[in-house]
Protein backbone atom coordinates (compact mmCIF):
# COMPACT_ATOMS: atom_id res chain seq x y z
CA UNK A 1 -91.49 -292.91 80.75
CA UNK A 2 -93.87 -290.33 82.28
CA UNK A 3 -92.91 -288.15 85.24
CA UNK A 4 -95.44 -289.75 87.64
CA UNK A 5 -93.96 -293.22 87.03
CA UNK A 6 -90.41 -291.92 87.54
CA UNK A 7 -91.30 -290.18 90.83
CA UNK A 8 -93.23 -293.23 92.07
CA UNK A 9 -90.39 -295.64 91.27
CA UNK A 10 -87.79 -293.32 92.84
CA UNK A 11 -89.75 -292.97 96.08
CA UNK A 12 -90.50 -296.70 96.23
CA UNK A 13 -86.81 -297.54 95.69
CA UNK A 14 -85.75 -294.94 98.28
CA UNK A 15 -88.21 -296.37 100.79
CA UNK A 16 -87.17 -299.97 100.12
CA UNK A 17 -83.43 -299.24 100.27
CA UNK A 18 -83.81 -297.14 103.43
CA UNK A 19 -85.91 -299.86 105.11
CA UNK A 20 -83.50 -302.62 104.07
CA UNK A 21 -80.52 -300.62 105.32
CA UNK A 22 -82.16 -299.82 108.68
CA UNK A 23 -83.40 -303.37 109.21
CA UNK A 24 -80.38 -305.41 108.08
CA UNK A 25 -77.23 -303.50 107.10
CA UNK A 26 -77.39 -300.60 109.58
CA UNK A 27 -74.90 -298.36 107.82
CA UNK A 28 -75.27 -294.57 108.28
CA UNK A 29 -78.45 -293.58 106.40
CA UNK A 30 -77.27 -292.04 103.15
CA UNK A 31 -74.17 -294.22 102.90
CA UNK A 32 -76.25 -297.37 103.28
CA UNK A 33 -78.81 -296.21 100.72
CA UNK A 34 -76.11 -295.39 98.18
CA UNK A 35 -74.32 -298.69 98.79
CA UNK A 36 -77.53 -300.63 98.15
CA UNK A 37 -78.24 -298.51 95.05
CA UNK A 38 -74.79 -299.34 93.67
CA UNK A 39 -75.29 -303.06 94.27
CA UNK A 40 -78.72 -302.96 92.63
CA UNK A 41 -77.30 -301.05 89.65
CA UNK A 42 -74.55 -303.62 89.19
CA UNK A 43 -77.09 -306.45 89.38
CA UNK A 44 -79.23 -304.67 86.78
CA UNK A 45 -76.21 -304.26 84.50
CA UNK A 46 -75.51 -307.99 84.81
CA UNK A 47 -79.19 -308.87 84.32
CA UNK A 48 -79.30 -306.54 81.34
CA UNK A 49 -77.27 -309.01 79.35
CA UNK A 50 -80.20 -311.42 79.58
CA UNK A 51 -82.62 -308.69 78.43
CA UNK A 52 -84.88 -309.13 81.47
CA UNK A 53 -87.99 -306.94 81.70
CA UNK A 54 -87.05 -305.46 85.11
CA UNK A 55 -83.61 -304.52 83.91
CA UNK A 56 -85.02 -302.82 80.83
CA UNK A 57 -87.58 -300.87 82.91
CA UNK A 58 -85.10 -299.52 85.46
CA UNK A 59 -82.52 -298.81 82.74
CA UNK A 60 -85.16 -296.84 80.83
CA UNK A 61 -86.00 -294.89 83.98
CA UNK A 62 -82.33 -294.07 84.66
CA UNK A 63 -81.99 -292.75 81.12
CA UNK A 64 -85.23 -290.76 81.49
CA UNK A 65 -83.91 -288.83 84.51
CA UNK A 66 -81.97 -285.67 83.66
CA UNK A 67 -79.87 -285.96 86.82
CA UNK A 68 -77.86 -282.80 86.18
CA UNK A 69 -80.92 -280.61 85.59
CA UNK A 70 -82.98 -282.08 88.46
CA UNK A 71 -80.15 -281.64 90.98
CA UNK A 72 -78.74 -278.27 89.90
CA UNK A 73 -82.05 -276.60 89.02
CA UNK A 74 -84.50 -278.15 91.52
CA UNK A 75 -83.14 -280.25 94.41
CA UNK A 76 -80.01 -278.21 95.17
CA UNK A 77 -81.95 -275.16 96.37
CA UNK A 78 -84.04 -277.25 98.76
CA UNK A 79 -81.06 -279.20 100.12
CA UNK A 80 -78.87 -276.12 100.67
CA UNK A 81 -81.73 -274.18 102.29
CA UNK A 82 -82.33 -277.14 104.61
CA UNK A 83 -78.62 -277.22 105.55
CA UNK A 84 -78.38 -273.46 106.08
CA UNK A 85 -81.59 -273.02 108.10
CA UNK A 86 -80.14 -274.78 111.15
CA UNK A 87 -76.67 -273.23 110.80
CA UNK A 88 -75.77 -270.85 113.65
CA UNK A 89 -74.69 -267.57 112.02
CA UNK A 90 -72.77 -266.50 115.16
CA UNK A 91 -70.55 -269.57 114.92
CA UNK A 92 -70.17 -269.01 111.18
CA UNK A 93 -69.11 -265.42 111.80
CA UNK A 94 -66.49 -266.48 114.37
CA UNK A 95 -64.81 -268.76 111.84
CA UNK A 96 -65.51 -266.64 108.76
CA UNK A 97 -61.83 -266.25 107.76
CA UNK A 98 -60.92 -269.96 107.37
CA UNK A 99 -64.35 -270.66 105.81
CA UNK A 100 -63.94 -267.81 103.33
CA UNK A 101 -60.40 -268.82 102.37
CA UNK A 102 -61.28 -272.51 101.90
CA UNK A 103 -64.46 -271.81 99.94
CA UNK A 104 -62.84 -269.33 97.51
CA UNK A 105 -59.05 -269.40 97.21
CA UNK A 106 -59.04 -273.02 98.34
CA UNK A 107 -61.17 -274.12 95.39
CA UNK A 108 -58.88 -272.31 92.94
CA UNK A 109 -55.75 -273.83 94.51
CA UNK A 110 -57.25 -277.33 94.55
CA UNK A 111 -58.46 -277.09 90.93
CA UNK A 112 -55.03 -275.84 89.78
CA UNK A 113 -53.06 -278.52 91.62
CA UNK A 114 -55.44 -281.29 90.58
CA UNK A 115 -55.53 -280.20 86.93
CA UNK A 116 -51.76 -279.76 86.65
CA UNK A 117 -50.85 -283.07 88.30
CA UNK A 118 -53.52 -285.00 86.41
CA UNK A 119 -52.17 -283.63 83.12
CA UNK A 120 -48.67 -284.87 83.99
CA UNK A 121 -50.07 -288.30 84.89
CA UNK A 122 -52.06 -288.55 81.65
CA UNK A 123 -48.88 -287.92 79.70
CA UNK A 124 -47.13 -290.67 81.65
CA UNK A 125 -49.95 -293.24 81.08
CA UNK A 126 -50.42 -292.09 77.47
CA UNK A 127 -54.00 -290.90 77.95
CA UNK A 128 -55.10 -288.08 75.65
CA UNK A 129 -56.60 -285.45 78.00
CA UNK A 130 -55.77 -281.80 77.17
CA UNK A 131 -54.64 -279.47 79.95
CA UNK A 132 -57.81 -277.34 79.76
CA UNK A 133 -59.97 -280.43 80.31
CA UNK A 134 -57.80 -281.44 83.29
CA UNK A 135 -58.53 -278.01 84.81
CA UNK A 136 -62.25 -278.39 84.00
CA UNK A 137 -62.14 -281.73 85.82
CA UNK A 138 -60.39 -279.97 88.70
CA UNK A 139 -63.09 -277.26 88.82
CA UNK A 140 -65.99 -279.73 89.06
CA UNK A 141 -64.33 -282.10 91.56
CA UNK A 142 -62.61 -279.57 93.89
CA UNK A 143 -65.65 -278.16 95.78
CA UNK A 144 -66.69 -280.28 98.73
CA UNK A 145 -70.30 -281.38 98.46
CA UNK A 146 -72.63 -279.75 101.05
CA UNK A 147 -75.18 -282.55 100.71
CA UNK A 148 -72.68 -285.37 101.27
CA UNK A 149 -70.88 -283.42 103.99
CA UNK A 150 -74.02 -282.57 105.98
CA UNK A 151 -75.38 -286.10 105.77
CA UNK A 152 -72.10 -287.63 106.99
CA UNK A 153 -71.24 -285.04 109.65
CA UNK A 154 -74.61 -285.40 111.41
CA UNK A 155 -73.43 -288.64 113.02
CA UNK A 156 -69.70 -287.95 113.12
CA UNK A 157 -67.51 -287.39 116.19
CA UNK A 158 -65.66 -284.49 114.55
CA UNK A 159 -64.77 -281.59 116.92
CA UNK A 160 -67.36 -278.75 116.81
CA UNK A 161 -64.91 -276.14 115.48
CA UNK A 162 -63.84 -278.35 112.55
CA UNK A 163 -67.47 -279.31 111.96
CA UNK A 164 -68.41 -275.65 111.48
CA UNK A 165 -65.46 -275.00 109.15
CA UNK A 166 -66.20 -278.05 106.97
CA UNK A 167 -69.97 -277.39 106.88
CA UNK A 168 -69.53 -273.65 106.22
CA UNK A 169 -66.97 -274.27 103.50
CA UNK A 170 -69.24 -276.77 101.74
CA UNK A 171 -72.17 -274.35 101.78
CA UNK A 172 -70.29 -271.64 99.90
CA UNK A 173 -67.63 -273.30 97.73
CA UNK A 174 -70.08 -274.76 95.18
CA UNK A 175 -70.73 -271.31 93.72
CA UNK A 176 -66.99 -270.75 93.18
CA UNK A 177 -66.59 -274.21 91.63
CA UNK A 178 -69.57 -273.68 89.32
CA UNK A 179 -68.29 -270.28 88.18
CA UNK A 180 -64.81 -271.68 87.52
CA UNK A 181 -66.36 -274.65 85.69
CA UNK A 182 -68.51 -272.39 83.46
CA UNK A 183 -65.57 -270.04 82.77
CA UNK A 184 -63.25 -272.86 81.67
CA UNK A 185 -65.99 -274.36 79.49
CA UNK A 186 -66.42 -270.92 77.91
CA UNK A 187 -62.72 -270.85 77.06
CA UNK A 188 -63.06 -274.21 75.31
CA UNK A 189 -66.19 -273.23 73.38
CA UNK A 190 -65.05 -269.75 72.43
CA UNK A 191 -61.52 -270.76 71.48
CA UNK A 192 -59.89 -268.69 74.21
CA UNK A 193 -61.91 -265.47 73.70
CA UNK A 194 -63.08 -265.40 77.34
CA UNK A 195 -61.52 -262.30 78.92
CA UNK A 196 -60.79 -261.20 82.47
CA UNK A 197 -63.59 -258.64 82.16
CA UNK A 198 -66.17 -261.27 81.17
CA UNK A 199 -64.98 -263.54 83.99
CA UNK A 200 -65.35 -260.74 86.58
CA UNK A 201 -68.77 -259.92 85.16
CA UNK A 202 -69.82 -263.57 85.45
CA UNK A 203 -68.51 -263.74 89.01
CA UNK A 204 -70.38 -260.57 90.02
CA UNK A 205 -73.57 -261.74 88.34
CA UNK A 206 -73.46 -265.16 89.98
CA UNK A 207 -72.20 -264.20 93.45
CA UNK A 208 -73.69 -260.75 94.05
CA UNK A 209 -76.86 -261.65 92.19
CA UNK A 210 -77.26 -264.85 94.20
CA UNK A 211 -76.72 -263.16 97.57
CA UNK A 212 -79.08 -260.27 96.72
CA UNK A 213 -81.86 -262.53 95.43
CA UNK A 214 -81.51 -264.83 98.43
CA UNK A 215 -81.50 -261.89 100.87
CA UNK A 216 -84.59 -260.27 99.32
CA UNK A 217 -86.64 -263.47 99.11
CA UNK A 218 -85.41 -264.61 102.52
CA UNK A 219 -86.40 -261.31 104.18
CA UNK A 220 -89.80 -261.25 102.45
CA UNK A 221 -90.37 -264.84 103.57
CA UNK A 222 -89.36 -263.91 107.12
CA UNK A 223 -91.83 -260.98 107.20
CA UNK A 224 -94.65 -263.15 105.86
CA UNK A 225 -93.94 -266.01 108.29
CA UNK A 226 -93.68 -263.65 111.26
CA UNK A 227 -97.08 -262.13 110.48
CA UNK A 228 -98.98 -265.45 110.80
CA UNK A 229 -99.22 -268.42 113.16
CA UNK A 230 -100.80 -271.07 110.93
CA UNK A 231 -98.07 -273.67 110.60
CA UNK A 232 -99.35 -275.16 107.33
CA UNK A 233 -99.10 -271.72 105.69
CA UNK A 234 -95.65 -271.18 107.22
CA UNK A 235 -94.33 -274.39 105.64
CA UNK A 236 -95.89 -273.50 102.28
CA UNK A 237 -94.22 -270.06 102.39
CA UNK A 238 -90.81 -271.64 103.06
CA UNK A 239 -91.25 -274.09 100.16
CA UNK A 240 -92.45 -271.29 97.86
CA UNK A 241 -89.32 -269.31 98.75
CA UNK A 242 -87.04 -272.04 97.37
CA UNK A 243 -89.07 -272.45 94.20
CA UNK A 244 -88.96 -268.67 93.64
CA UNK A 245 -85.21 -268.62 94.31
CA UNK A 246 -84.59 -271.37 91.72
CA UNK A 247 -86.81 -269.66 89.17
CA UNK A 248 -85.59 -266.06 89.62
CA UNK A 249 -81.90 -266.89 90.10
CA UNK A 250 -82.03 -269.12 87.01
CA UNK A 251 -83.68 -266.36 84.97
CA UNK A 252 -81.04 -263.78 85.95
CA UNK A 253 -78.15 -266.31 85.75
CA UNK A 254 -77.37 -265.85 89.43
CA UNK A 255 -76.08 -268.53 91.81
CA UNK A 256 -78.92 -270.72 93.10
CA UNK A 257 -76.63 -272.24 95.79
CA UNK A 258 -75.67 -268.85 97.22
CA UNK A 259 -79.25 -267.57 97.05
CA UNK A 260 -80.59 -270.65 98.87
CA UNK A 261 -77.87 -270.50 101.52
CA UNK A 262 -78.44 -266.76 102.10
CA UNK A 263 -82.19 -267.25 102.48
CA UNK A 264 -81.65 -270.25 104.77
CA UNK A 265 -79.27 -268.35 107.05
CA UNK A 266 -81.78 -265.49 107.33
CA UNK A 267 -84.76 -267.69 108.12
CA UNK A 268 -82.75 -269.83 110.52
CA UNK A 269 -81.20 -266.97 112.50
CA UNK A 270 -83.91 -264.31 112.68
CA UNK A 271 -86.30 -264.40 115.64
CA UNK A 272 -89.99 -264.72 114.76
CA UNK A 273 -91.17 -263.60 118.19
CA UNK A 274 -91.89 -265.31 121.49
CA UNK A 275 -94.06 -268.41 121.17
CA UNK A 276 -94.10 -268.32 117.37
CA UNK A 277 -94.43 -271.89 115.94
CA UNK A 278 -91.74 -271.24 113.30
CA UNK A 279 -89.02 -270.82 115.96
CA UNK A 280 -89.08 -274.50 116.84
CA UNK A 281 -91.05 -276.51 114.30
CA UNK A 282 -89.91 -275.03 110.98
CA UNK A 283 -86.40 -276.34 111.56
CA UNK A 284 -87.77 -279.81 112.31
CA UNK A 285 -89.86 -279.90 109.13
CA UNK A 286 -86.88 -278.89 106.99
CA UNK A 287 -84.68 -281.44 108.72
CA UNK A 288 -87.19 -284.13 107.72
CA UNK A 289 -87.33 -282.80 104.14
CA UNK A 290 -83.53 -282.72 104.05
CA UNK A 291 -83.27 -286.40 105.05
CA UNK A 292 -85.97 -287.50 102.59
CA UNK A 293 -84.45 -285.57 99.67
CA UNK A 294 -80.97 -286.83 100.61
CA UNK A 295 -82.22 -290.43 100.47
CA UNK A 296 -83.79 -289.90 97.04
CA UNK A 297 -80.66 -288.13 95.78
CA UNK A 298 -78.32 -290.92 96.84
CA UNK A 299 -80.60 -293.47 95.17
CA UNK A 300 -80.36 -291.38 91.99
CA UNK A 301 -76.57 -291.24 92.26
CA UNK A 302 -76.41 -295.01 92.65
CA UNK A 303 -78.69 -295.60 89.67
CA UNK A 304 -76.55 -293.35 87.48
CA UNK A 305 -74.08 -296.25 87.37
CA UNK A 306 -76.37 -297.83 84.78
CA UNK A 307 -75.61 -294.95 82.41
CA UNK A 308 -71.84 -294.86 82.91
CA UNK A 309 -69.69 -295.77 79.93
CA UNK A 310 -66.82 -297.18 81.96
CA UNK A 311 -63.65 -297.27 79.92
CA UNK A 312 -61.03 -299.99 80.02
CA UNK A 313 -58.70 -297.76 82.02
CA UNK A 314 -61.35 -296.01 84.15
CA UNK A 315 -60.11 -297.70 87.31
CA UNK A 316 -56.58 -296.42 86.68
CA UNK A 317 -57.69 -292.84 85.95
CA UNK A 318 -60.13 -292.95 88.88
CA UNK A 319 -57.57 -294.32 91.34
CA UNK A 320 -54.93 -291.79 90.32
CA UNK A 321 -57.51 -288.99 90.51
CA UNK A 322 -58.39 -289.96 94.09
CA UNK A 323 -54.76 -289.76 95.20
CA UNK A 324 -54.21 -286.44 93.41
CA UNK A 325 -57.44 -285.00 94.85
CA UNK A 326 -56.51 -285.97 98.41
CA UNK A 327 -53.09 -284.38 97.93
CA UNK A 328 -54.66 -281.22 96.47
CA UNK A 329 -57.09 -281.10 99.43
CA UNK A 330 -54.21 -281.47 101.91
CA UNK A 331 -52.31 -278.59 100.27
CA UNK A 332 -55.52 -276.51 100.17
CA UNK A 333 -56.12 -276.76 103.92
CA UNK A 334 -52.43 -276.50 104.84
CA UNK A 335 -51.50 -273.29 102.97
CA UNK A 336 -54.06 -271.03 104.72
CA UNK A 337 -53.10 -272.53 108.10
CA UNK A 338 -49.41 -271.79 107.50
CA UNK A 339 -49.50 -268.40 105.75
CA UNK A 340 -52.77 -266.78 106.90
CA UNK A 341 -53.92 -268.26 110.19
CA UNK A 342 -50.35 -269.10 111.26
CA UNK A 343 -51.70 -272.04 113.26
CA UNK A 344 -50.68 -275.53 112.23
CA UNK A 345 -52.30 -278.55 113.84
CA UNK A 346 -51.41 -281.52 111.68
CA UNK A 347 -54.14 -283.73 113.15
CA UNK A 348 -56.79 -281.13 112.35
CA UNK A 349 -55.39 -280.76 108.83
CA UNK A 350 -55.63 -284.52 108.35
CA UNK A 351 -59.27 -284.49 109.52
CA UNK A 352 -60.12 -281.56 107.23
CA UNK A 353 -58.52 -283.43 104.33
CA UNK A 354 -60.37 -286.71 104.92
CA UNK A 355 -63.70 -284.95 105.60
CA UNK A 356 -63.63 -283.15 102.24
CA UNK A 357 -66.32 -285.32 100.64
CA UNK A 358 -67.47 -285.13 97.04
CA UNK A 359 -70.98 -286.06 95.93
CA UNK A 360 -73.88 -285.49 93.60
CA UNK A 361 -73.01 -281.94 92.57
CA UNK A 362 -69.73 -283.08 91.00
CA UNK A 363 -71.58 -285.86 89.17
CA UNK A 364 -74.18 -283.34 87.98
CA UNK A 365 -71.52 -280.97 86.60
CA UNK A 366 -69.72 -283.87 84.90
CA UNK A 367 -72.99 -284.99 83.29
CA UNK A 368 -73.57 -281.44 82.03
CA UNK A 369 -70.32 -281.53 80.02
CA UNK A 370 -71.04 -281.19 76.30
CA UNK A 371 -70.26 -284.18 74.05
CA UNK A 372 -66.54 -284.52 73.38
CA UNK A 373 -63.79 -287.13 73.17
CA UNK A 374 -62.90 -286.48 76.81
CA UNK A 375 -66.36 -286.37 78.43
CA UNK A 376 -66.61 -290.09 79.24
CA UNK A 377 -63.14 -290.18 80.81
CA UNK A 378 -63.98 -287.28 83.16
CA UNK A 379 -67.45 -288.64 83.90
CA UNK A 380 -66.21 -292.13 84.76
CA UNK A 381 -63.37 -290.81 86.94
CA UNK A 382 -65.78 -288.39 88.69
CA UNK A 383 -68.13 -291.22 89.55
CA UNK A 384 -65.21 -293.32 90.80
CA UNK A 385 -64.10 -290.46 93.10
CA UNK A 386 -67.62 -289.88 94.44
CA UNK A 387 -68.10 -293.58 95.26
CA UNK A 388 -64.76 -293.63 97.10
CA UNK A 389 -65.52 -290.36 98.86
CA UNK A 390 -68.92 -291.36 100.20
CA UNK A 391 -68.36 -295.04 100.89
CA UNK A 392 -64.71 -295.11 101.99
CA UNK A 393 -64.11 -291.65 103.45
CA UNK A 394 -67.65 -291.44 104.84
CA UNK A 395 -67.51 -294.83 106.55
CA UNK A 396 -64.02 -294.32 108.01
CA UNK A 397 -64.34 -290.66 109.02
CA UNK A 398 -65.26 -291.42 112.64
CA UNK A 399 -62.34 -293.85 112.99
CA UNK A 400 -59.94 -291.26 111.57
CA UNK A 401 -61.32 -288.57 113.89
CA UNK A 402 -61.14 -290.85 116.96
CA UNK A 403 -57.56 -291.84 116.19
CA UNK A 404 -56.37 -288.28 115.59
CA UNK A 405 -58.29 -286.53 118.36
CA UNK A 406 -56.72 -288.86 120.93
CA UNK A 407 -53.30 -287.67 119.84
CA UNK A 408 -54.08 -283.97 120.24
C-alpha cells in the first residue's frame, strides 16, 4: 500500500472517529478516539474471519505502517516540541528537584521493581520469561508517556503543582527509559559484554548530545523567528526545526525527545519582542498541531490491535503487569517524598500514582523488540497496560483527584 493511501486513510479515520466521538459519545478527545479505534479494530478482526474486502484493506494498511519508526523517528519530535513550547520554564525550575528525581532515578527504581516482581510472578504461573527480559519490559513500560499525559491533563482537575510535576516528569523520563531499554537489549545481544564504560558513553551521547543539539537548533530558530514578522515563514521555521532535530539527532545517535523538549522550552520561554506575532500565535498553531497529531496517533495505537498476536494467557500476564506497575509507580513517587523531599502527602502520592499514564511510546519500544520467543508476550502485555492506562486511568483521573483533593 502506497504512502499517500495510508496517510489519506489515517486522516479520514481520525476525522471520522473524532467527529463521531464529539457528536455522540463525548468522551475526552483522545480517549474517545482510541476507544472507537479499539472497537473498530475488534470488529475488523471479527469480520476478518469472513474475508471481507474492507477487513483485508484495513488489515493490510495496519501491517504497512511501521508504527515504531513513525512514532520514534518522526511524530515524537513534533509532539514533544508542542508539549514543551507552552511549558513555563519558571514553574519547571521551581519544581526541578522532584521532576529530576522522578524522571531519572524514578525510572530506574520502577524498572527494577517491575522486572523483579514480574519475574517472580512468571515463575509462579509457569511462564518462561527470563529475568533480563523482565527488566527490558520494565524499561519500556516504566516511563510515563508525555503524549498521553498531556492529552489527559489538559481537561483534568489536578492541582497545578502536581500537574507541573507530572508533565515535567513525562517530558524528560522517556530519554532515560530509552537509554535503559537500549542498554539492556545490548546485554542480550552481546551476551553480557556491555560494560559500565559503554553505558556511560551511551548515556552521555544520548543525553548531552540531545540537549546540545536541541539548544543549538532552538536558539538558531529563535534568532531567525525574531528577525522576521511574516507568520507563514515563522511557522515553517518552527516545523523545519523539528525535522532538523530528528535528522541530526538520529545521525549522531542523540536523544530526539530531549532535543525536541530543549528546543521547545527555548522557543516557548524566550521573548521575541513587543508586538511580535510569534509571542501569541505560534503557541496556538502548535497547540492545534499537537491535538491533530495526538488524534492520528491514538487512531494508530487502536489499529495496532489488528497486528497483536494475543496469547492464551495474555489477559493474565497483562492484568498482573498492571498491578505490579501501579505498585512500582507508588514506590517510585513515595521514596523521593520520604527520603529526599521529606514531605509525605498520601493523597498527592495517590494522584501521582494514578496519573502515571503509559501510551504510544511504550508500544513503539515493544514493537521494536527483535524477534524472540518472548517478544509476543511482552508486546501483548504492553498493549494491555496501555489500554488500561488510557481508558481506565484516563477516564477516572478526575474522579480520583476530586475524591482525594476534598480530603486534603
